[in-house]
Amino acid sequence: MDESMGLYLGVLICLAIFFLPTIIALFKKHPKKVGILLVNIVGIFGGLGWLAALIWCFILPKEQSS
């Protein structure tokens, strides 16, 4: 039972790291959080998308004045 608990904990930590850009975007109330989530999910292949999503979640668009 202890081994399975460790496995579940490891999977949970890996998922949290994988979705870190999306989690940050949600907490920062990023206006493009859905796009960041999609890049994050598609970026599972190769890791470049994950890095792009991580950078994107820290870049907030400038306010547009009308």
Protein backbone atom coordinates (compact mmCIF):
# COMPACT_ATOMS: atom_id res chain seq x y z
CA MET A 1 0.00 0.00 0.00
CA ASP A 2 2.89 2.39 0.70
CA GLU A 3 4.33 1.81 -2.77
CA SER A 4 1.07 2.72 -4.46
CA MET A 5 0.79 5.86 -2.34
CA GLY A 6 4.28 6.88 -3.47
CA LEU A 7 3.31 6.22 -7.08
CA TYR A 8 0.19 8.38 -6.76
CA LEU A 9 2.20 11.15 -5.14
CA GLY A 10 4.81 10.98 -7.91
CA VAL A 11 2.15 11.16 -10.63
CA LEU A 12 0.49 14.11 -8.87
CA ILE A 13 3.80 15.98 -8.65
CA CYS A 14 4.56 15.29 -12.33
CA LEU A 15 1.12 16.55 -13.37
CA ALA A 16 1.55 19.69 -11.27
CA ILE A 17 4.90 20.40 -12.92
CA PHE A 18 3.48 19.67 -16.37
CA PHE A 19 0.53 22.02 -15.88
CA LEU A 20 2.60 24.68 -14.08
CA PRO A 21 2.23 27.26 -16.90
CA THR A 22 -1.56 26.83 -16.87
CA ILE A 23 -1.71 27.00 -13.08
CA ILE A 24 0.33 30.22 -13.07
CA ALA A 25 -1.88 31.70 -15.81
CA LEU A 26 -5.01 30.90 -13.80
CA PHE A 27 -3.65 32.48 -10.60
CA LYS A 28 -2.50 35.58 -12.50
CA LYS A 29 -5.90 35.77 -14.28
CA HIS A 30 -4.14 35.87 -17.63
CA PRO A 31 -6.56 36.84 -20.43
CA LYS A 32 -5.13 34.12 -22.72
CA LYS A 33 -5.27 31.26 -20.20
CA VAL A 34 -7.15 28.97 -22.61
CA GLY A 35 -4.46 29.47 -25.26
CA ILE A 36 -1.77 28.76 -22.68
CA LEU A 37 -3.59 25.58 -21.68
CA LEU A 38 -3.81 24.43 -25.31
CA VAL A 39 -0.12 25.12 -25.95
CA ASN A 40 0.65 23.35 -22.69
CA ILE A 41 -1.30 20.23 -23.72
CA VAL A 42 -0.03 20.17 -27.31
CA GLY A 43 3.49 20.84 -26.02
CA ILE A 44 3.61 17.43 -24.37
CA PHE A 45 5.43 16.25 -27.49
CA GLY A 46 9.00 17.47 -27.25
CA GLY A 47 8.72 19.91 -24.37
CA LEU A 48 9.13 23.04 -26.51
CA GLY A 49 5.44 23.87 -26.16
CA TRP A 50 5.74 23.58 -22.37
CA LEU A 51 8.58 26.09 -22.39
CA ALA A 52 6.61 28.43 -24.68
CA ALA A 53 3.56 28.19 -22.39
CA LEU A 54 5.75 28.90 -19.35
CA ILE A 55 7.17 32.03 -20.94
CA TRP A 56 3.75 33.12 -22.25
CA CYS A 57 2.10 32.88 -18.83
CA PHE A 58 4.40 35.63 -17.53
CA ILE A 59 3.81 37.99 -20.47
CA LEU A 60 0.68 40.04 -19.96
CA PRO A 61 -0.70 41.91 -22.98
CA LYS A 62 -0.63 45.68 -22.84
CA GLU A 63 -3.92 47.44 -22.22
CA GLN A 64 -5.39 48.76 -25.44
CA SER A 65 -6.68 52.30 -25.21
CA SER A 66 -9.65 53.32 -27.32
